[in-house]
Amino acid sequence: MSASTAHDATVASALQSTMDAYLGHLAVERGLAANTLSSYRRDLRRYVATLSARGRTAFDQVAETDVLAFLAGMREGDDEHPPLSAGSAARAVVAVRGLHKFALREGLTAADPARDVRPPTPPRRLPKAISLDEVERLLGAAGPGDGARTLRDRALLEFLYGSGARISEAVGLDLDDLDLRDGFVRVSGKGGKVRVVPVGGYACRAVDAYLVRARATLAGAGRGTPALFLNARGGRLSRQGAWMVLRAAAERARLSDVSPHTLRHSFATHLLDGGADVRVVQELLGHASVTTTQVYTLVTVQRLREVYATSHPRAKG
């Protein structure tokens, strides 16, 4: 190994070790969700590579211009990476700022060059909710017959709309998390935060039918698991598997632009349309801040405007 190659390896190792320590801190002490941690790791590996290419050997050598160059590179893309959206770039900047705060706190640097770097503001997109009629079409399109997987799919879709849970939260449920008698479920949300939310009667009946008539059939193909929703091999249903269930039902119901969050968005919007207080909806969704939930109020106001514009005799002059 040449002297220059050895030097590059030492640089990469020093930067990498700090990055690994920070990711370990996020996983163990902060309880960051696995998916978020994976995204941070991908972003920070790219950041460390950028610093190495710019000749930085330690975090105390990094300047604000290095952080800005990294941000610009993400937005522009290169031969190996497509340009990142404003939302993805913003996530990466948050990861980088957290890394520098960690390095400062650990005494690895005397200043924080990322402190004043602001992430790009993504365009504000209103949540995509579908109408109640479309929800009923979707829920009714779980599949033909009463086979084990059909009963599971109906239970999953009814549960998603009846509880407002994220798909990742639904597939993470164990049998002990569910109380069908009282109609409640214990959900583990982002950051491991647990909340208890009610489940509607339709969802309770669909889940009960799945448990009584289908789950044992699916479980027979596996080695035993406490998971509520099972795949065809008897293991825990994955997020991708749940998304395929939703997509297949949407295709049968002839609904376009349906995403993994569609039923969650519809759950929140329909509650607000029905007069629910925004802070109650915040608790049900597990949002840390009511500001996140208030975006749904914009959807209902927009709908009011549309109804007014099409219904009032003097709306258009």
C-alpha atoms as a PDB file:
ATOM      1  CA  MET A   1       0.000   0.000   0.000  1.00  0.00           C
ATOM      2  CA  SER A   2       1.407   3.407  -1.007  1.00  0.00           C
ATOM      3  CA  ALA A   3       1.823   6.233   1.507  1.00  0.00           C
ATOM      4  CA  SER A   4      -0.977   8.258  -0.113  1.00  0.00           C
ATOM      5  CA  THR A   5      -3.355   5.287  -0.098  1.00  0.00           C
ATOM      6  CA  ALA A   6      -2.616   4.616   3.562  1.00  0.00           C
ATOM      7  CA  HIS A   7      -3.241   8.284   4.366  1.00  0.00           C
ATOM      8  CA  ASP A   8      -6.603   8.230   2.554  1.00  0.00           C
ATOM      9  CA  ALA A   9      -7.595   5.102   4.467  1.00  0.00           C
ATOM     10  CA  THR A  10      -6.665   6.751   7.775  1.00  0.00           C
ATOM     11  CA  VAL A  11      -8.712   9.843   6.900  1.00  0.00           C
ATOM     12  CA  ALA A  12     -11.728   7.778   5.915  1.00  0.00           C
ATOM     13  CA  SER A  13     -11.329   5.663   9.061  1.00  0.00           C
ATOM     14  CA  ALA A  14     -11.236   8.715  11.374  1.00  0.00           C
ATOM     15  CA  LEU A  15     -14.296  10.308   9.810  1.00  0.00           C
ATOM     16  CA  GLN A  16     -16.071   6.964   9.597  1.00  0.00           C
ATOM     17  CA  SER A  17     -15.464   6.128  13.251  1.00  0.00           C
ATOM     18  CA  THR A  18     -17.078   9.387  14.369  1.00  0.00           C
ATOM     19  CA  MET A  19     -20.003   8.792  12.043  1.00  0.00           C
ATOM     20  CA  ASP A  20     -20.442   5.253  13.397  1.00  0.00           C
ATOM     21  CA  ALA A  21     -20.342   6.539  16.971  1.00  0.00           C
ATOM     22  CA  TYR A  22     -23.020   9.108  16.166  1.00  0.00           C
ATOM     23  CA  LEU A  23     -25.276   6.517  14.511  1.00  0.00           C
ATOM     24  CA  GLY A  24     -24.801   4.259  17.523  1.00  0.00           C
ATOM     25  CA  HIS A  25     -25.827   7.151  19.772  1.00  0.00           C
ATOM     26  CA  LEU A  26     -28.989   7.680  17.704  1.00  0.00           C
ATOM     27  CA  ALA A  27     -29.885   3.991  17.797  1.00  0.00           C
ATOM     28  CA  VAL A  28     -29.201   3.306  21.478  1.00  0.00           C
ATOM     29  CA  GLU A  29     -29.756   6.577  23.324  1.00  0.00           C
ATOM     30  CA  ARG A  30     -32.235   8.342  21.067  1.00  0.00           C
ATOM     31  CA  GLY A  31     -34.170   5.256  19.931  1.00  0.00           C
ATOM     32  CA  LEU A  32     -34.318   6.446  16.322  1.00  0.00           C
ATOM     33  CA  ALA A  33     -36.571   4.359  14.078  1.00  0.00           C
ATOM     34  CA  ALA A  34     -34.747   1.749  11.977  1.00  0.00           C
ATOM     35  CA  ASN A  35     -35.898   3.226   8.668  1.00  0.00           C
ATOM     36  CA  THR A  36     -34.784   6.732   9.635  1.00  0.00           C
ATOM     37  CA  LEU A  37     -31.470   5.372  10.900  1.00  0.00           C
ATOM     38  CA  SER A  38     -30.901   3.618   7.579  1.00  0.00           C
ATOM     39  CA  SER A  39     -31.550   6.867   5.679  1.00  0.00           C
ATOM     40  CA  TYR A  40     -29.185   8.800   7.966  1.00  0.00           C
ATOM     41  CA  ARG A  41     -26.481   6.184   7.480  1.00  0.00           C
ATOM     42  CA  ARG A  42     -26.781   6.440   3.698  1.00  0.00           C
ATOM     43  CA  ASP A  43     -26.697  10.258   3.774  1.00  0.00           C
ATOM     44  CA  LEU A  44     -23.751  10.433   6.180  1.00  0.00           C
ATOM     45  CA  ARG A  45     -21.683   7.928   4.232  1.00  0.00           C
ATOM     46  CA  ARG A  46     -22.057  10.214   1.241  1.00  0.00           C
ATOM     47  CA  TYR A  47     -21.127  13.195   3.390  1.00  0.00           C
ATOM     48  CA  VAL A  48     -17.994  11.513   4.742  1.00  0.00           C
ATOM     49  CA  ALA A  49     -16.981  10.611   1.186  1.00  0.00           C
ATOM     50  CA  THR A  50     -17.438  14.250   0.174  1.00  0.00           C
ATOM     51  CA  LEU A  51     -15.283  15.459   3.070  1.00  0.00           C
ATOM     52  CA  SER A  52     -12.550  12.952   2.210  1.00  0.00           C
ATOM     53  CA  ALA A  53     -12.585  14.090  -1.419  1.00  0.00           C
ATOM     54  CA  ARG A  54     -12.157  17.683  -0.241  1.00  0.00           C
ATOM     55  CA  GLY A  55      -9.102  16.727   1.801  1.00  0.00           C
ATOM     56  CA  ARG A  56     -10.655  16.968   5.262  1.00  0.00           C
ATOM     57  CA  THR A  57      -8.966  14.599   7.701  1.00  0.00           C
ATOM     58  CA  ALA A  58     -11.003  15.378  10.829  1.00  0.00           C
ATOM     59  CA  PHE A  59     -14.175  17.168  11.787  1.00  0.00           C
ATOM     60  CA  ASP A  60     -12.272  20.117  13.257  1.00  0.00           C
ATOM     61  CA  GLN A  61     -11.109  20.917   9.724  1.00  0.00           C
ATOM     62  CA  VAL A  62     -14.598  21.115   8.231  1.00  0.00           C
ATOM     63  CA  ALA A  63     -15.868  24.563   7.296  1.00  0.00           C
ATOM     64  CA  GLU A  64     -19.347  25.803   6.466  1.00  0.00           C
ATOM     65  CA  THR A  65     -18.335  25.881   2.794  1.00  0.00           C
ATOM     66  CA  ASP A  66     -17.819  22.100   2.929  1.00  0.00           C
ATOM     67  CA  VAL A  67     -21.329  21.570   4.269  1.00  0.00           C
ATOM     68  CA  LEU A  68     -22.788  23.915   1.642  1.00  0.00           C
ATOM     69  CA  ALA A  69     -20.857  22.126  -1.111  1.00  0.00           C
ATOM     70  CA  PHE A  70     -22.304  18.823   0.055  1.00  0.00           C
ATOM     71  CA  LEU A  71     -25.825  20.262  -0.014  1.00  0.00           C
ATOM     72  CA  ALA A  72     -25.285  21.683  -3.498  1.00  0.00           C
ATOM     73  CA  GLY A  73     -23.917  18.364  -4.709  1.00  0.00           C
ATOM     74  CA  MET A  74     -26.988  16.514  -3.441  1.00  0.00           C
ATOM     75  CA  ARG A  75     -29.334  18.897  -5.231  1.00  0.00           C
ATOM     76  CA  GLU A  76     -27.351  18.726  -8.489  1.00  0.00           C
ATOM     77  CA  GLY A  77     -26.543  15.018  -8.484  1.00  0.00           C
ATOM     78  CA  ASP A  78     -23.577  13.340 -10.170  1.00  0.00           C
ATOM     79  CA  ASP A  79     -22.692  10.281 -12.241  1.00  0.00           C
ATOM     80  CA  GLU A  80     -23.444   7.963  -9.317  1.00  0.00           C
ATOM     81  CA  HIS A  81     -26.335   9.779  -7.624  1.00  0.00           C
ATOM     82  CA  PRO A  82     -29.481  11.350  -9.075  1.00  0.00           C
ATOM     83  CA  PRO A  83     -30.424  14.827  -7.812  1.00  0.00           C
ATOM     84  CA  LEU A  84     -32.209  14.663  -4.471  1.00  0.00           C
ATOM     85  CA  SER A  85     -35.556  16.297  -3.894  1.00  0.00           C
ATOM     86  CA  ALA A  86     -35.806  19.187  -1.462  1.00  0.00           C
ATOM     87  CA  GLY A  87     -37.345  16.829   1.114  1.00  0.00           C
ATOM     88  CA  SER A  88     -34.560  14.234   0.850  1.00  0.00           C
ATOM     89  CA  ALA A  89     -31.876  16.921   0.877  1.00  0.00           C
ATOM     90  CA  ALA A  90     -33.471  18.470   3.964  1.00  0.00           C
ATOM     91  CA  ARG A  91     -33.314  15.100   5.737  1.00  0.00           C
ATOM     92  CA  ALA A  92     -29.617  14.783   4.834  1.00  0.00           C
ATOM     93  CA  VAL A  93     -28.855  18.267   6.181  1.00  0.00           C
ATOM     94  CA  VAL A  94     -30.584  17.362   9.449  1.00  0.00           C
ATOM     95  CA  ALA A  95     -28.359  14.279   9.673  1.00  0.00           C
ATOM     96  CA  VAL A  96     -25.220  16.312   8.959  1.00  0.00           C
ATOM     97  CA  ARG A  97     -26.127  18.989  11.510  1.00  0.00           C
ATOM     98  CA  GLY A  98     -26.739  16.308  14.108  1.00  0.00           C
ATOM     99  CA  LEU A  99     -23.352  14.733  13.345  1.00  0.00           C
ATOM    100  CA  HIS A 100     -21.517  18.041  13.859  1.00  0.00           C
ATOM    101  CA  LYS A 101     -23.378  18.736  17.099  1.00  0.00           C
ATOM    102  CA  PHE A 102     -22.280  15.293  18.264  1.00  0.00           C
ATOM    103  CA  ALA A 103     -18.647  15.979  17.281  1.00  0.00           C
ATOM    104  CA  LEU A 104     -18.765  19.290  19.172  1.00  0.00           C
ATOM    105  CA  ARG A 105     -20.228  17.675  22.270  1.00  0.00           C
ATOM    106  CA  GLU A 106     -17.604  14.908  22.165  1.00  0.00           C
ATOM    107  CA  GLY A 107     -14.800  17.476  22.028  1.00  0.00           C
ATOM    108  CA  LEU A 108     -13.710  16.525  18.506  1.00  0.00           C
ATOM    109  CA  THR A 109     -14.070  20.088  17.256  1.00  0.00           C
ATOM    110  CA  ALA A 110     -14.267  23.559  18.764  1.00  0.00           C
ATOM    111  CA  ALA A 111     -16.942  24.900  16.390  1.00  0.00           C
ATOM    112  CA  ASP A 112     -20.031  23.717  14.548  1.00  0.00           C
ATOM    113  CA  PRO A 113     -19.724  24.558  10.835  1.00  0.00           C
ATOM    114  CA  ALA A 114     -23.218  23.247  10.074  1.00  0.00           C
ATOM    115  CA  ARG A 115     -25.009  25.351  12.670  1.00  0.00           C
ATOM    116  CA  ASP A 116     -26.148  28.066  10.262  1.00  0.00           C
ATOM    117  CA  VAL A 117     -26.794  25.801   7.273  1.00  0.00           C
ATOM    118  CA  ARG A 118     -30.531  25.625   6.707  1.00  0.00           C
ATOM    119  CA  PRO A 119     -32.111  22.696   4.891  1.00  0.00           C
ATOM    120  CA  PRO A 120     -34.009  23.501   1.704  1.00  0.00           C
ATOM    121  CA  THR A 121     -37.715  24.021   2.252  1.00  0.00           C
ATOM    122  CA  PRO A 122     -39.706  21.357   0.418  1.00  0.00           C
ATOM    123  CA  PRO A 123     -42.857  22.509  -1.358  1.00  0.00           C
ATOM    124  CA  ARG A 124     -45.853  22.104   0.908  1.00  0.00           C
ATOM    125  CA  ARG A 125     -48.011  19.309  -0.378  1.00  0.00           C
ATOM    126  CA  LEU A 126     -51.423  18.681   1.034  1.00  0.00           C
ATOM    127  CA  PRO A 127     -52.071  15.119   2.181  1.00  0.00           C
ATOM    128  CA  LYS A 128     -53.881  13.035  -0.415  1.00  0.00           C
ATOM    129  CA  ALA A 129     -57.159  11.837   1.064  1.00  0.00           C
ATOM    130  CA  ILE A 130     -59.895   9.959  -0.744  1.00  0.00           C
ATOM    131  CA  SER A 131     -63.633  10.320  -0.212  1.00  0.00           C
ATOM    132  CA  LEU A 132     -65.675   8.070   2.056  1.00  0.00           C
ATOM    133  CA  ASP A 133     -67.232   6.392  -0.988  1.00  0.00           C
ATOM    134  CA  GLU A 134     -63.756   5.680  -2.346  1.00  0.00           C
ATOM    135  CA  VAL A 135     -62.631   4.339   1.036  1.00  0.00           C
ATOM    136  CA  GLU A 136     -65.576   1.935   1.037  1.00  0.00           C
ATOM    137  CA  ARG A 137     -64.731   0.822  -2.501  1.00  0.00           C
ATOM    138  CA  LEU A 138     -61.137   0.217  -1.439  1.00  0.00           C
ATOM    139  CA  LEU A 139     -62.103  -1.697   1.696  1.00  0.00           C
ATOM    140  CA  GLY A 140     -64.536  -3.789  -0.276  1.00  0.00           C
ATOM    141  CA  ALA A 141     -61.873  -4.724  -2.823  1.00  0.00           C
ATOM    142  CA  ALA A 142     -59.648  -6.803  -0.576  1.00  0.00           C
ATOM    143  CA  GLY A 143     -60.249  -9.793  -2.802  1.00  0.00           C
ATOM    144  CA  PRO A 144     -62.807 -12.454  -3.656  1.00  0.00           C
ATOM    145  CA  GLY A 145     -63.877 -15.273  -1.381  1.00  0.00           C
ATOM    146  CA  ASP A 146     -63.064 -15.992   2.247  1.00  0.00           C
ATOM    147  CA  GLY A 147     -59.598 -17.477   1.997  1.00  0.00           C
ATOM    148  CA  ALA A 148     -57.025 -16.862   4.699  1.00  0.00           C
ATOM    149  CA  ARG A 149     -55.184 -14.158   2.808  1.00  0.00           C
ATOM    150  CA  THR A 150     -58.393 -12.419   1.768  1.00  0.00           C
ATOM    151  CA  LEU A 151     -59.561 -12.260   5.384  1.00  0.00           C
ATOM    152  CA  ARG A 152     -56.150 -10.960   6.402  1.00  0.00           C
ATOM    153  CA  ASP A 153     -56.214  -8.294   3.690  1.00  0.00           C
ATOM    154  CA  ARG A 154     -59.683  -7.121   4.706  1.00  0.00           C
ATOM    155  CA  ALA A 155     -58.618  -6.968   8.340  1.00  0.00           C
ATOM    156  CA  LEU A 156     -55.463  -5.032   7.470  1.00  0.00           C
ATOM    157  CA  LEU A 157     -57.249  -2.431   5.325  1.00  0.00           C
ATOM    158  CA  GLU A 158     -60.085  -1.984   7.806  1.00  0.00           C
ATOM    159  CA  PHE A 159     -57.550  -1.636  10.608  1.00  0.00           C
ATOM    160  CA  LEU A 160     -55.513   1.012   8.756  1.00  0.00           C
ATOM    161  CA  TYR A 161     -58.569   3.171   8.139  1.00  0.00           C
ATOM    162  CA  GLY A 162     -60.203   2.391  11.488  1.00  0.00           C
ATOM    163  CA  SER A 163     -57.142   3.350  13.566  1.00  0.00           C
ATOM    164  CA  GLY A 164     -55.161   5.813  11.456  1.00  0.00           C
ATOM    165  CA  ALA A 165     -52.029   3.742  12.019  1.00  0.00           C
ATOM    166  CA  ARG A 166     -49.070   3.879   9.685  1.00  0.00           C
ATOM    167  CA  ILE A 167     -48.448   0.717   7.662  1.00  0.00           C
ATOM    168  CA  SER A 168     -45.176   0.185   9.561  1.00  0.00           C
ATOM    169  CA  GLU A 169     -47.082   0.423  12.847  1.00  0.00           C
ATOM    170  CA  ALA A 170     -49.745  -2.044  11.700  1.00  0.00           C
ATOM    171  CA  VAL A 171     -47.297  -4.728  10.602  1.00  0.00           C
ATOM    172  CA  GLY A 172     -45.325  -4.208  13.832  1.00  0.00           C
ATOM    173  CA  LEU A 173     -48.308  -5.157  15.994  1.00  0.00           C
ATOM    174  CA  ASP A 174     -48.303  -8.288  18.134  1.00  0.00           C
ATOM    175  CA  LEU A 175     -51.410 -10.137  19.299  1.00  0.00           C
ATOM    176  CA  ASP A 176     -50.995  -8.789  22.839  1.00  0.00           C
ATOM    177  CA  ASP A 177     -51.195  -5.204  21.542  1.00  0.00           C
ATOM    178  CA  LEU A 178     -54.831  -5.652  20.544  1.00  0.00           C
ATOM    179  CA  ASP A 179     -57.906  -5.441  22.783  1.00  0.00           C
ATOM    180  CA  LEU A 180     -60.879  -6.247  20.556  1.00  0.00           C
ATOM    181  CA  ARG A 181     -63.331  -6.422  23.449  1.00  0.00           C
ATOM    182  CA  ASP A 182     -62.851  -2.774  24.351  1.00  0.00           C
ATOM    183  CA  GLY A 183     -61.817  -1.718  20.850  1.00  0.00           C
ATOM    184  CA  PHE A 184     -58.304  -0.418  21.582  1.00  0.00           C
ATOM    185  CA  VAL A 185     -54.832  -1.084  20.241  1.00  0.00           C
ATOM    186  CA  ARG A 186     -51.399  -0.232  21.614  1.00  0.00           C
ATOM    187  CA  VAL A 187     -49.292   1.180  18.777  1.00  0.00           C
ATOM    188  CA  SER A 188     -45.537   1.732  18.796  1.00  0.00           C
ATOM    189  CA  GLY A 189     -44.872   4.809  16.677  1.00  0.00           C
ATOM    190  CA  LYS A 190     -41.837   6.785  15.577  1.00  0.00           C
ATOM    191  CA  GLY A 191     -38.979   6.808  18.045  1.00  0.00           C
ATOM    192  CA  GLY A 192     -40.567   3.943  19.961  1.00  0.00           C
ATOM    193  CA  LYS A 193     -43.276   6.212  21.359  1.00  0.00           C
ATOM    194  CA  VAL A 194     -46.287   4.123  22.384  1.00  0.00           C
ATOM    195  CA  ARG A 195     -49.861   5.386  22.112  1.00  0.00           C
ATOM    196  CA  VAL A 196     -53.223   3.739  22.716  1.00  0.00           C
ATOM    197  CA  VAL A 197     -55.863   4.426  20.091  1.00  0.00           C
ATOM    198  CA  PRO A 198     -59.442   3.244  19.594  1.00  0.00           C
ATOM    199  CA  VAL A 199     -60.334   0.924  16.732  1.00  0.00           C
ATOM    200  CA  GLY A 200     -63.699   1.177  14.991  1.00  0.00           C
ATOM    201  CA  GLY A 201     -66.329  -1.520  15.074  1.00  0.00           C
ATOM    202  CA  TYR A 202     -65.917  -2.460  11.407  1.00  0.00           C
ATOM    203  CA  ALA A 203     -62.187  -2.933  11.914  1.00  0.00           C
ATOM    204  CA  CYS A 204     -62.692  -4.940  15.113  1.00  0.00           C
ATOM    205  CA  ARG A 205     -65.076  -7.318  13.370  1.00  0.00           C
ATOM    206  CA  ALA A 206     -62.756  -7.722  10.382  1.00  0.00           C
ATOM    207  CA  VAL A 207     -59.755  -8.417  12.606  1.00  0.00           C
ATOM    208  CA  ASP A 208     -61.777 -10.839  14.726  1.00  0.00           C
ATOM    209  CA  ALA A 209     -62.848 -12.749  11.585  1.00  0.00           C
ATOM    210  CA  TYR A 210     -59.218 -12.941  10.514  1.00  0.00           C
ATOM    211  CA  LEU A 211     -58.075 -14.193  13.928  1.00  0.00           C
ATOM    212  CA  VAL A 212     -60.817 -16.819  14.218  1.00  0.00           C
ATOM    213  CA  ARG A 213     -60.877 -18.105  10.643  1.00  0.00           C
ATOM    214  CA  ALA A 214     -57.546 -17.319   9.000  1.00  0.00           C
ATOM    215  CA  ARG A 215     -54.546 -16.581  11.181  1.00  0.00           C
ATOM    216  CA  ALA A 216     -54.048 -20.171  12.328  1.00  0.00           C
ATOM    217  CA  THR A 217     -53.949 -21.293   8.692  1.00  0.00           C
ATOM    218  CA  LEU A 218     -51.216 -18.782   7.868  1.00  0.00           C
ATOM    219  CA  ALA A 219     -49.329 -19.491  11.099  1.00  0.00           C
ATOM    220  CA  GLY A 220     -49.186 -23.195  10.237  1.00  0.00           C
ATOM    221  CA  ALA A 221     -46.637 -22.460   7.523  1.00  0.00           C
ATOM    222  CA  GLY A 222     -44.231 -20.794   9.953  1.00  0.00           C
ATOM    223  CA  ARG A 223     -42.384 -21.435  13.191  1.00  0.00           C
ATOM    224  CA  GLY A 224     -44.582 -19.371  15.463  1.00  0.00           C
ATOM    225  CA  THR A 225     -44.610 -15.630  15.907  1.00  0.00           C
ATOM    226  CA  PRO A 226     -46.608 -13.201  18.060  1.00  0.00           C
ATOM    227  CA  ALA A 227     -47.192 -10.948  15.034  1.00  0.00           C
ATOM    228  CA  LEU A 228     -50.803  -9.991  14.368  1.00  0.00           C
ATOM    229  CA  PHE A 229     -50.612  -9.858  10.577  1.00  0.00           C
ATOM    230  CA  LEU A 230     -48.869 -12.817   8.949  1.00  0.00           C
ATOM    231  CA  ASN A 231     -47.571 -13.482   5.446  1.00  0.00           C
ATOM    232  CA  ALA A 232     -48.145 -16.644   3.429  1.00  0.00           C
ATOM    233  CA  ARG A 233     -45.049 -18.252   5.003  1.00  0.00           C
ATOM    234  CA  GLY A 234     -46.332 -17.765   8.541  1.00  0.00           C
ATOM    235  CA  GLY A 235     -43.955 -14.902   9.382  1.00  0.00           C
ATOM    236  CA  ARG A 236     -44.644 -11.271  10.138  1.00  0.00           C
ATOM    237  CA  LEU A 237     -46.117  -9.385   7.192  1.00  0.00           C
ATOM    238  CA  SER A 238     -43.605  -6.812   5.937  1.00  0.00           C
ATOM    239  CA  ARG A 239     -44.246  -3.180   5.042  1.00  0.00           C
ATOM    240  CA  GLN A 240     -43.715  -4.079   1.407  1.00  0.00           C
ATOM    241  CA  GLY A 241     -46.204  -6.925   1.712  1.00  0.00           C
ATOM    242  CA  ALA A 242     -48.802  -4.635   3.289  1.00  0.00           C
ATOM    243  CA  TRP A 243     -48.215  -2.040   0.573  1.00  0.00           C
ATOM    244  CA  MET A 244     -48.815  -4.720  -2.082  1.00  0.00           C
ATOM    245  CA  VAL A 245     -52.121  -5.592  -0.386  1.00  0.00           C
ATOM    246  CA  LEU A 246     -53.174  -1.941  -0.537  1.00  0.00           C
ATOM    247  CA  ARG A 247     -52.039  -1.496  -4.122  1.00  0.00           C
ATOM    248  CA  ALA A 248     -53.849  -4.640  -5.298  1.00  0.00           C
ATOM    249  CA  ALA A 249     -57.083  -3.494  -3.615  1.00  0.00           C
ATOM    250  CA  ALA A 250     -56.718  -0.025  -5.170  1.00  0.00           C
ATOM    251  CA  GLU A 251     -56.338  -1.559  -8.617  1.00  0.00           C
ATOM    252  CA  ARG A 252     -59.449  -3.699  -8.137  1.00  0.00           C
ATOM    253  CA  ALA A 253     -61.353  -0.643  -6.894  1.00  0.00           C
ATOM    254  CA  ARG A 254     -60.030   1.358  -9.881  1.00  0.00           C
ATOM    255  CA  LEU A 255     -58.502   4.009  -7.665  1.00  0.00           C
ATOM    256  CA  SER A 256     -55.371   5.788  -8.821  1.00  0.00           C
ATOM    257  CA  ASP A 257     -52.688   7.642  -6.858  1.00  0.00           C
ATOM    258  CA  VAL A 258     -53.150   5.561  -3.710  1.00  0.00           C
ATOM    259  CA  SER A 259     -50.082   5.559  -1.443  1.00  0.00           C
ATOM    260  CA  PRO A 260     -49.203   3.697   1.786  1.00  0.00           C
ATOM    261  CA  HIS A 261     -50.416   6.749   3.727  1.00  0.00           C
ATOM    262  CA  THR A 262     -53.723   7.193   1.865  1.00  0.00           C
ATOM    263  CA  LEU A 263     -55.916   5.539   4.489  1.00  0.00           C
ATOM    264  CA  ARG A 264     -54.116   7.393   7.296  1.00  0.00           C
ATOM    265  CA  HIS A 265     -54.637  10.714   5.502  1.00  0.00           C
ATOM    266  CA  SER A 266     -58.285   9.846   4.894  1.00  0.00           C
ATOM    267  CA  PHE A 267     -58.743   8.826   8.536  1.00  0.00           C
ATOM    268  CA  ALA A 268     -57.512  12.238   9.721  1.00  0.00           C
ATOM    269  CA  THR A 269     -59.379  14.268   7.108  1.00  0.00           C
ATOM    270  CA  HIS A 270     -62.691  12.504   7.696  1.00  0.00           C
ATOM    271  CA  LEU A 271     -62.377  12.981  11.466  1.00  0.00           C
ATOM    272  CA  LEU A 272     -61.841  16.713  11.021  1.00  0.00           C
ATOM    273  CA  ASP A 273     -64.688  16.882   8.499  1.00  0.00           C
ATOM    274  CA  GLY A 274     -66.858  15.266  11.162  1.00  0.00           C
ATOM    275  CA  GLY A 275     -65.982  17.935  13.731  1.00  0.00           C
ATOM    276  CA  ALA A 276     -63.131  16.297  15.652  1.00  0.00           C
ATOM    277  CA  ASP A 277     -60.772  18.622  17.507  1.00  0.00           C
ATOM    278  CA  VAL A 278     -57.363  18.905  15.837  1.00  0.00           C
ATOM    279  CA  ARG A 279     -55.563  18.061  19.097  1.00  0.00           C
ATOM    280  CA  VAL A 280     -57.544  14.837  19.438  1.00  0.00           C
ATOM    281  CA  VAL A 281     -56.549  13.912  15.884  1.00  0.00           C
ATOM    282  CA  GLN A 282     -52.955  14.778  16.799  1.00  0.00           C
ATOM    283  CA  GLU A 283     -53.048  12.246  19.639  1.00  0.00           C
ATOM    284  CA  LEU A 284     -54.647   9.588  17.460  1.00  0.00           C
ATOM    285  CA  LEU A 285     -52.018  10.007  14.737  1.00  0.00           C
ATOM    286  CA  GLY A 286     -49.135  10.159  17.199  1.00  0.00           C
ATOM    287  CA  HIS A 287     -47.804  13.502  15.956  1.00  0.00           C
ATOM    288  CA  ALA A 288     -45.314  15.136  18.307  1.00  0.00           C
ATOM    289  CA  SER A 289     -46.511  18.606  17.295  1.00  0.00           C
ATOM    290  CA  VAL A 290     -50.000  19.839  16.481  1.00  0.00           C
ATOM    291  CA  THR A 291     -48.422  21.805  13.618  1.00  0.00           C
ATOM    292  CA  THR A 292     -47.951  18.535  11.747  1.00  0.00           C
ATOM    293  CA  THR A 293     -51.618  17.690  12.185  1.00  0.00           C
ATOM    294  CA  GLN A 294     -52.846  21.124  11.164  1.00  0.00           C
ATOM    295  CA  VAL A 295     -51.953  20.447   7.544  1.00  0.00           C
ATOM    296  CA  TYR A 296     -55.122  18.333   7.448  1.00  0.00           C
ATOM    297  CA  THR A 297     -57.200  21.364   8.356  1.00  0.00           C
ATOM    298  CA  LEU A 298     -55.987  22.952   5.126  1.00  0.00           C
ATOM    299  CA  VAL A 299     -57.483  20.015   3.242  1.00  0.00           C
ATOM    300  CA  THR A 300     -60.876  20.525   4.856  1.00  0.00           C
ATOM    301  CA  VAL A 301     -60.773  24.294   4.244  1.00  0.00           C
ATOM    302  CA  GLN A 302     -59.902  23.652   0.622  1.00  0.00           C
ATOM    303  CA  ARG A 303     -62.861  21.300   0.367  1.00  0.00           C
ATOM    304  CA  LEU A 304     -65.146  23.931   1.878  1.00  0.00           C
ATOM    305  CA  ARG A 305     -63.969  26.390  -0.746  1.00  0.00           C
ATOM    306  CA  GLU A 306     -64.694  23.906  -3.527  1.00  0.00           C
ATOM    307  CA  VAL A 307     -68.183  23.181  -2.199  1.00  0.00           C
ATOM    308  CA  TYR A 308     -68.874  26.885  -1.793  1.00  0.00           C
ATOM    309  CA  ALA A 309     -67.627  27.694  -5.292  1.00  0.00           C
ATOM    310  CA  THR A 310     -69.818  25.060  -6.896  1.00  0.00           C
ATOM    311  CA  SER A 311     -72.912  25.506  -4.713  1.00  0.00           C
ATOM    312  CA  HIS A 312     -73.422  29.149  -3.798  1.00  0.00           C
ATOM    313  CA  PRO A 313     -75.413  31.122  -6.417  1.00  0.00           C
ATOM    314  CA  ARG A 314     -73.193  34.181  -6.062  1.00  0.00           C
ATOM    315  CA  ALA A 315     -69.854  32.495  -5.511  1.00  0.00           C
ATOM    316  CA  LYS A 316     -68.679  33.497  -8.969  1.00  0.00           C
ATOM    317  CA  GLY A 317     -69.238  37.019 -10.191  1.00  0.00           C
END
